[in-house]
Amino acid sequence: MSKICSSSVSLYLAGILAAVVLLGLIYFVPGLIAGVSTLLLVGIIILVIVIVLFAIAIILKGLSRLLASLRL
């Protein structure tokens, strides 16, 4: 039982961290985009897309587990 609880807690903490990362991207990326070359801009955009997709996946997994535990 404690393994399930600790994995849920770590998943929720990972979801909170993912949300903080998304907020940080919203804050830092516009400043980075302002003064870079085209090649670096493409790299930044690809990196941001990958980070956002992983963050959304972590957040949705945590929410689905939370809603599943509330349903039981």
PDB file of N, CA and C in Angstrom:
ATOM      1  N   MET A   1       0.826  -1.200   0.000  1.00  0.00           N
ATOM      2  CA  MET A   1       0.000   0.000   0.000  1.00  0.00           C
ATOM      3  C   MET A   1       0.865   1.257   0.000  1.00  0.00           C
ATOM      4  N   SER A   2       1.940   1.265   0.764  1.00  0.00           N
ATOM      5  CA  SER A   2       2.768   2.467   0.833  1.00  0.00           C
ATOM      6  C   SER A   2       3.491   2.723  -0.486  1.00  0.00           C
ATOM      7  N   LYS A   3       3.804   1.655  -1.246  1.00  0.00           N
ATOM      8  CA  LYS A   3       4.435   1.856  -2.544  1.00  0.00           C
ATOM      9  C   LYS A   3       3.495   2.594  -3.490  1.00  0.00           C
ATOM     10  N   ILE A   4       2.238   2.230  -3.475  1.00  0.00           N
ATOM     11  CA  ILE A   4       1.263   2.887  -4.342  1.00  0.00           C
ATOM     12  C   ILE A   4       1.112   4.346  -3.936  1.00  0.00           C
ATOM     13  N   CYS A   5       1.044   4.591  -2.648  1.00  0.00           N
ATOM     14  CA  CYS A   5       0.882   5.958  -2.161  1.00  0.00           C
ATOM     15  C   CYS A   5       2.103   6.803  -2.490  1.00  0.00           C
ATOM     16  N   SER A   6       3.294   6.260  -2.304  1.00  0.00           N
ATOM     17  CA  SER A   6       4.495   7.044  -2.579  1.00  0.00           C
ATOM     18  C   SER A   6       4.656   7.307  -4.070  1.00  0.00           C
ATOM     19  N   SER A   7       4.249   6.344  -4.919  1.00  0.00           N
ATOM     20  CA  SER A   7       4.340   6.594  -6.354  1.00  0.00           C
ATOM     21  C   SER A   7       3.322   7.647  -6.775  1.00  0.00           C
ATOM     22  N   SER A   8       2.173   7.671  -6.130  1.00  0.00           N
ATOM     23  CA  SER A   8       1.184   8.708  -6.440  1.00  0.00           C
ATOM     24  C   SER A   8       1.690  10.079  -6.016  1.00  0.00           C
ATOM     25  N   VAL A   9       2.297  10.131  -4.852  1.00  0.00           N
ATOM     26  CA  VAL A   9       2.822  11.403  -4.371  1.00  0.00           C
ATOM     27  C   VAL A   9       3.931  11.897  -5.281  1.00  0.00           C
ATOM     28  N   SER A  10       4.817  11.012  -5.704  1.00  0.00           N
ATOM     29  CA  SER A  10       5.892  11.431  -6.599  1.00  0.00           C
ATOM     30  C   SER A  10       5.342  11.861  -7.944  1.00  0.00           C
ATOM     31  N   LEU A  11       4.277  11.215  -8.400  1.00  0.00           N
ATOM     32  CA  LEU A  11       3.654  11.627  -9.657  1.00  0.00           C
ATOM     33  C   LEU A  11       3.017  13.006  -9.515  1.00  0.00           C
ATOM     34  N   TYR A  12       2.384  13.274  -8.391  1.00  0.00           N
ATOM     35  CA  TYR A  12       1.790  14.587  -8.176  1.00  0.00           C
ATOM     36  C   TYR A  12       2.865  15.670  -8.079  1.00  0.00           C
ATOM     37  N   LEU A  13       3.978  15.348  -7.414  1.00  0.00           N
ATOM     38  CA  LEU A  13       5.079  16.305  -7.342  1.00  0.00           C
ATOM     39  C   LEU A  13       5.689  16.545  -8.721  1.00  0.00           C
ATOM     40  N   ALA A  14       5.783  15.496  -9.530  1.00  0.00           N
ATOM     41  CA  ALA A  14       6.280  15.662 -10.897  1.00  0.00           C
ATOM     42  C   ALA A  14       5.322  16.524 -11.713  1.00  0.00           C
ATOM     43  N   GLY A  15       4.028  16.389 -11.479  1.00  0.00           N
ATOM     44  CA  GLY A  15       3.043  17.222 -12.159  1.00  0.00           C
ATOM     45  C   GLY A  15       3.174  18.690 -11.766  1.00  0.00           C
ATOM     46  N   ILE A  16       3.418  18.935 -10.486  1.00  0.00           N
ATOM     47  CA  ILE A  16       3.622  20.311 -10.029  1.00  0.00           C
ATOM     48  C   ILE A  16       4.891  20.890 -10.641  1.00  0.00           C
ATOM     49  N   LEU A  17       5.952  20.095 -10.676  1.00  0.00           N
ATOM     50  CA  LEU A  17       7.200  20.535 -11.291  1.00  0.00           C
ATOM     51  C   LEU A  17       7.016  20.812 -12.783  1.00  0.00           C
ATOM     52  N   ALA A  18       6.241  19.970 -13.458  1.00  0.00           N
ATOM     53  CA  ALA A  18       5.975  20.186 -14.877  1.00  0.00           C
ATOM     54  C   ALA A  18       5.207  21.490 -15.095  1.00  0.00           C
ATOM     55  N   ALA A  19       4.279  21.793 -14.217  1.00  0.00           N
ATOM     56  CA  ALA A  19       3.537  23.052 -14.345  1.00  0.00           C
ATOM     57  C   ALA A  19       4.449  24.255 -14.122  1.00  0.00           C
ATOM     58  N   VAL A  20       5.373  24.134 -13.174  1.00  0.00           N
ATOM     59  CA  VAL A  20       6.326  25.214 -12.934  1.00  0.00           C
ATOM     60  C   VAL A  20       7.241  25.406 -14.140  1.00  0.00           C
ATOM     61  N   VAL A  21       7.643  24.306 -14.757  1.00  0.00           N
ATOM     62  CA  VAL A  21       8.474  24.391 -15.967  1.00  0.00           C
ATOM     63  C   VAL A  21       7.724  25.092 -17.088  1.00  0.00           C
ATOM     64  N   LEU A  22       6.451  24.783 -17.242  1.00  0.00           N
ATOM     65  CA  LEU A  22       5.657  25.454 -18.277  1.00  0.00           C
ATOM     66  C   LEU A  22       5.562  26.953 -18.008  1.00  0.00           C
ATOM     67  N   LEU A  23       5.369  27.326 -16.760  1.00  0.00           N
ATOM     68  CA  LEU A  23       5.322  28.752 -16.430  1.00  0.00           C
ATOM     69  C   LEU A  23       6.675  29.420 -16.673  1.00  0.00           C
ATOM     70  N   GLY A  24       7.750  28.713 -16.378  1.00  0.00           N
ATOM     71  CA  GLY A  24       9.083  29.242 -16.646  1.00  0.00           C
ATOM     72  C   GLY A  24       9.340  29.431 -18.128  1.00  0.00           C
ATOM     73  N   LEU A  25       8.845  28.501 -18.933  1.00  0.00           N
ATOM     74  CA  LEU A  25       8.994  28.652 -20.384  1.00  0.00           C
ATOM     75  C   LEU A  25       8.252  29.881 -20.892  1.00  0.00           C
ATOM     76  N   ILE A  26       7.082  30.115 -20.344  1.00  0.00           N
ATOM     77  CA  ILE A  26       6.312  31.292 -20.751  1.00  0.00           C
ATOM     78  C   ILE A  26       7.077  32.571 -20.409  1.00  0.00           C
ATOM     79  N   TYR A  27       7.835  32.534 -19.329  1.00  0.00           N
ATOM     80  CA  TYR A  27       8.575  33.712 -18.890  1.00  0.00           C
ATOM     81  C   TYR A  27       9.877  33.915 -19.674  1.00  0.00           C
ATOM     82  N   PHE A  28      10.626  32.833 -19.930  1.00  0.00           N
ATOM     83  CA  PHE A  28      11.965  32.959 -20.486  1.00  0.00           C
ATOM     84  C   PHE A  28      12.041  32.901 -22.014  1.00  0.00           C
ATOM     85  N   VAL A  29      11.179  32.151 -22.656  1.00  0.00           N
ATOM     86  CA  VAL A  29      11.303  31.933 -24.101  1.00  0.00           C
ATOM     87  C   VAL A  29      11.152  33.214 -24.916  1.00  0.00           C
ATOM     88  N   PRO A  30      10.217  34.109 -24.635  1.00  0.00           N
ATOM     89  CA  PRO A  30      10.145  35.329 -25.456  1.00  0.00           C
ATOM     90  C   PRO A  30      11.434  36.146 -25.437  1.00  0.00           C
ATOM     91  N   GLY A  31      12.125  36.180 -24.308  1.00  0.00           N
ATOM     92  CA  GLY A  31      13.399  36.892 -24.244  1.00  0.00           C
ATOM     93  C   GLY A  31      14.478  36.212 -25.069  1.00  0.00           C
ATOM     94  N   LEU A  32      14.453  34.884 -25.101  1.00  0.00           N
ATOM     95  CA  LEU A  32      15.435  34.154 -25.894  1.00  0.00           C
ATOM     96  C   LEU A  32      15.196  34.317 -27.389  1.00  0.00           C
ATOM     97  N   ILE A  33      13.939  34.365 -27.780  1.00  0.00           N
ATOM     98  CA  ILE A  33      13.595  34.449 -29.197  1.00  0.00           C
ATOM     99  C   ILE A  33      13.950  35.822 -29.775  1.00  0.00           C
ATOM    100  N   ALA A  34      13.992  36.834 -28.950  1.00  0.00           N
ATOM    101  CA  ALA A  34      14.168  38.204 -29.438  1.00  0.00           C
ATOM    102  C   ALA A  34      15.483  38.424 -30.177  1.00  0.00           C
ATOM    103  N   GLY A  35      16.568  37.828 -29.721  1.00  0.00           N
ATOM    104  CA  GLY A  35      17.837  38.170 -30.338  1.00  0.00           C
ATOM    105  C   GLY A  35      18.677  37.000 -30.779  1.00  0.00           C
ATOM    106  N   VAL A  36      18.092  36.015 -31.453  1.00  0.00           N
ATOM    107  CA  VAL A  36      18.864  34.850 -31.875  1.00  0.00           C
ATOM    108  C   VAL A  36      18.787  34.676 -33.386  1.00  0.00           C
ATOM    109  N   SER A  37      19.700  33.869 -33.902  1.00  0.00           N
ATOM    110  CA  SER A  37      19.693  33.577 -35.333  1.00  0.00           C
ATOM    111  C   SER A  37      18.579  32.587 -35.655  1.00  0.00           C
ATOM    112  N   THR A  38      18.358  32.390 -36.929  1.00  0.00           N
ATOM    113  CA  THR A  38      17.264  31.522 -37.371  1.00  0.00           C
ATOM    114  C   THR A  38      17.493  30.075 -36.957  1.00  0.00           C
ATOM    115  N   LEU A  39      18.714  29.597 -37.088  1.00  0.00           N
ATOM    116  CA  LEU A  39      18.999  28.211 -36.730  1.00  0.00           C
ATOM    117  C   LEU A  39      18.799  27.971 -35.235  1.00  0.00           C
ATOM    118  N   LEU A  40      19.245  28.900 -34.422  1.00  0.00           N
ATOM    119  CA  LEU A  40      19.045  28.773 -32.983  1.00  0.00           C
ATOM    120  C   LEU A  40      17.568  28.899 -32.630  1.00  0.00           C
ATOM    121  N   LEU A  41      16.843  29.712 -33.361  1.00  0.00           N
ATOM    122  CA  LEU A  41      15.400  29.858 -33.141  1.00  0.00           C
ATOM    123  C   LEU A  41      14.679  28.545 -33.398  1.00  0.00           C
ATOM    124  N   VAL A  42      15.050  27.852 -34.463  1.00  0.00           N
ATOM    125  CA  VAL A  42      14.436  26.555 -34.759  1.00  0.00           C
ATOM    126  C   VAL A  42      14.753  25.557 -33.645  1.00  0.00           C
ATOM    127  N   GLY A  43      15.981  25.558 -33.152  1.00  0.00           N
ATOM    128  CA  GLY A  43      16.346  24.674 -32.052  1.00  0.00           C
ATOM    129  C   GLY A  43      15.571  24.969 -30.778  1.00  0.00           C
ATOM    130  N   ILE A  44      15.407  26.245 -30.477  1.00  0.00           N
ATOM    131  CA  ILE A  44      14.643  26.635 -29.287  1.00  0.00           C
ATOM    132  C   ILE A  44      13.190  26.196 -29.421  1.00  0.00           C
ATOM    133  N   ILE A  45      12.615  26.375 -30.587  1.00  0.00           N
ATOM    134  CA  ILE A  45      11.212  25.994 -30.800  1.00  0.00           C
ATOM    135  C   ILE A  45      11.036  24.487 -30.660  1.00  0.00           C
ATOM    136  N   ILE A  46      11.943  23.706 -31.229  1.00  0.00           N
ATOM    137  CA  ILE A  46      11.853  22.247 -31.104  1.00  0.00           C
ATOM    138  C   ILE A  46      12.002  21.829 -29.643  1.00  0.00           C
ATOM    139  N   LEU A  47      12.947  22.422 -28.936  1.00  0.00           N
ATOM    140  CA  LEU A  47      13.151  22.106 -27.531  1.00  0.00           C
ATOM    141  C   LEU A  47      11.921  22.456 -26.686  1.00  0.00           C
ATOM    142  N   VAL A  48      11.333  23.597 -26.952  1.00  0.00           N
ATOM    143  CA  VAL A  48      10.133  24.014 -26.214  1.00  0.00           C
ATOM    144  C   VAL A  48       8.972  23.058 -26.488  1.00  0.00           C
ATOM    145  N   ILE A  49       8.807  22.628 -27.739  1.00  0.00           N
ATOM    146  CA  ILE A  49       7.724  21.699 -28.065  1.00  0.00           C
ATOM    147  C   ILE A  49       7.910  20.378 -27.328  1.00  0.00           C
ATOM    148  N   VAL A  50       9.122  19.868 -27.295  1.00  0.00           N
ATOM    149  CA  VAL A  50       9.385  18.599 -26.600  1.00  0.00           C
ATOM    150  C   VAL A  50       9.123  18.745 -25.096  1.00  0.00           C
ATOM    151  N   ILE A  51       9.593  19.828 -24.508  1.00  0.00           N
ATOM    152  CA  ILE A  51       9.380  20.043 -23.071  1.00  0.00           C
ATOM    153  C   ILE A  51       7.897  20.174 -22.758  1.00  0.00           C
ATOM    154  N   VAL A  52       7.171  20.903 -23.578  1.00  0.00           N
ATOM    155  CA  VAL A  52       5.734  21.083 -23.342  1.00  0.00           C
ATOM    156  C   VAL A  52       4.993  19.759 -23.469  1.00  0.00           C
ATOM    157  N   LEU A  53       5.334  18.951 -24.453  1.00  0.00           N
ATOM    158  CA  LEU A  53       4.651  17.661 -24.609  1.00  0.00           C
ATOM    159  C   LEU A  53       4.896  16.742 -23.412  1.00  0.00           C
ATOM    160  N   PHE A  54       6.145  16.664 -22.943  1.00  0.00           N
ATOM    161  CA  PHE A  54       6.419  15.840 -21.772  1.00  0.00           C
ATOM    162  C   PHE A  54       5.722  16.391 -20.529  1.00  0.00           C
ATOM    163  N   ALA A  55       5.695  17.701 -20.368  1.00  0.00           N
ATOM    164  CA  ALA A  55       5.034  18.292 -19.197  1.00  0.00           C
ATOM    165  C   ALA A  55       3.535  18.017 -19.222  1.00  0.00           C
ATOM    166  N   ILE A  56       2.932  18.151 -20.385  1.00  0.00           N
ATOM    167  CA  ILE A  56       1.490  17.879 -20.496  1.00  0.00           C
ATOM    168  C   ILE A  56       1.194  16.411 -20.223  1.00  0.00           C
ATOM    169  N   ALA A  57       2.055  15.516 -20.707  1.00  0.00           N
ATOM    170  CA  ALA A  57       1.851  14.088 -20.452  1.00  0.00           C
ATOM    171  C   ALA A  57       1.939  13.776 -18.955  1.00  0.00           C
ATOM    172  N   ILE A  58       2.898  14.366 -18.269  1.00  0.00           N
ATOM    173  CA  ILE A  58       3.037  14.130 -16.825  1.00  0.00           C
ATOM    174  C   ILE A  58       1.837  14.688 -16.075  1.00  0.00           C
ATOM    175  N   ILE A  59       1.401  15.884 -16.435  1.00  0.00           N
ATOM    176  CA  ILE A  59       0.260  16.495 -15.757  1.00  0.00           C
ATOM    177  C   ILE A  59      -1.008  15.682 -15.993  1.00  0.00           C
ATOM    178  N   LEU A  60      -1.245  15.251 -17.221  1.00  0.00           N
ATOM    179  CA  LEU A  60      -2.447  14.470 -17.506  1.00  0.00           C
ATOM    180  C   LEU A  60      -2.424  13.103 -16.836  1.00  0.00           C
ATOM    181  N   LYS A  61      -1.245  12.483 -16.736  1.00  0.00           N
ATOM    182  CA  LYS A  61      -1.152  11.198 -16.047  1.00  0.00           C
ATOM    183  C   LYS A  61      -1.476  11.367 -14.564  1.00  0.00           C
ATOM    184  N   GLY A  62      -0.962  12.428 -13.963  1.00  0.00           N
ATOM    185  CA  GLY A  62      -1.268  12.681 -12.557  1.00  0.00           C
ATOM    186  C   GLY A  62      -2.740  12.975 -12.342  1.00  0.00           C
ATOM    187  N   LEU A  63      -3.331  13.752 -13.237  1.00  0.00           N
ATOM    188  CA  LEU A  63      -4.759  14.058 -13.114  1.00  0.00           C
ATOM    189  C   LEU A  63      -5.620  12.819 -13.311  1.00  0.00           C
ATOM    190  N   SER A  64      -5.250  11.968 -14.253  1.00  0.00           N
ATOM    191  CA  SER A  64      -6.040  10.760 -14.458  1.00  0.00           C
ATOM    192  C   SER A  64      -5.972   9.837 -13.254  1.00  0.00           C
ATOM    193  N   ARG A  65      -4.782   9.733 -12.645  1.00  0.00           N
ATOM    194  CA  ARG A  65      -4.659   8.897 -11.448  1.00  0.00           C
ATOM    195  C   ARG A  65      -5.437   9.519 -10.281  1.00  0.00           C
ATOM    196  N   LEU A  66      -5.417  10.833 -10.169  1.00  0.00           N
ATOM    197  CA  LEU A  66      -6.161  11.500  -9.107  1.00  0.00           C
ATOM    198  C   LEU A  66      -7.663  11.307  -9.285  1.00  0.00           C
ATOM    199  N   LEU A  67      -8.147  11.470 -10.503  1.00  0.00           N
ATOM    200  CA  LEU A  67      -9.579  11.285 -10.762  1.00  0.00           C
ATOM    201  C   LEU A  67      -9.994   9.829 -10.608  1.00  0.00           C
ATOM    202  N   ALA A  68      -9.114   8.897 -10.955  1.00  0.00           N
ATOM    203  CA  ALA A  68      -9.431   7.479 -10.769  1.00  0.00           C
ATOM    204  C   ALA A  68      -9.512   7.128  -9.291  1.00  0.00           C
ATOM    205  N   SER A  69      -8.658   7.745  -8.475  1.00  0.00           N
ATOM    206  CA  SER A  69      -8.726   7.450  -7.031  1.00  0.00           C
ATOM    207  C   SER A  69      -9.948   8.094  -6.397  1.00  0.00           C
ATOM    208  N   LEU A  70     -10.417   9.206  -6.934  1.00  0.00           N
ATOM    209  CA  LEU A  70     -11.615   9.827  -6.398  1.00  0.00           C
ATOM    210  C   LEU A  70     -12.874   9.036  -6.776  1.00  0.00           C
ATOM    211  N   ARG A  71     -12.819   8.394  -7.939  1.00  0.00           N
ATOM    212  CA  ARG A  71     -13.967   7.617  -8.405  1.00  0.00           C
ATOM    213  C   ARG A  71     -14.176   6.370  -7.549  1.00  0.00           C
ATOM    214  N   LEU A  72     -13.097   5.799  -7.046  1.00  0.00           N
ATOM    215  CA  LEU A  72     -13.213   4.576  -6.217  1.00  0.00           C
ATOM    216  C   LEU A  72     -13.725   4.953  -4.873  1.00  0.00           C
TER     217      LEU A  72
END
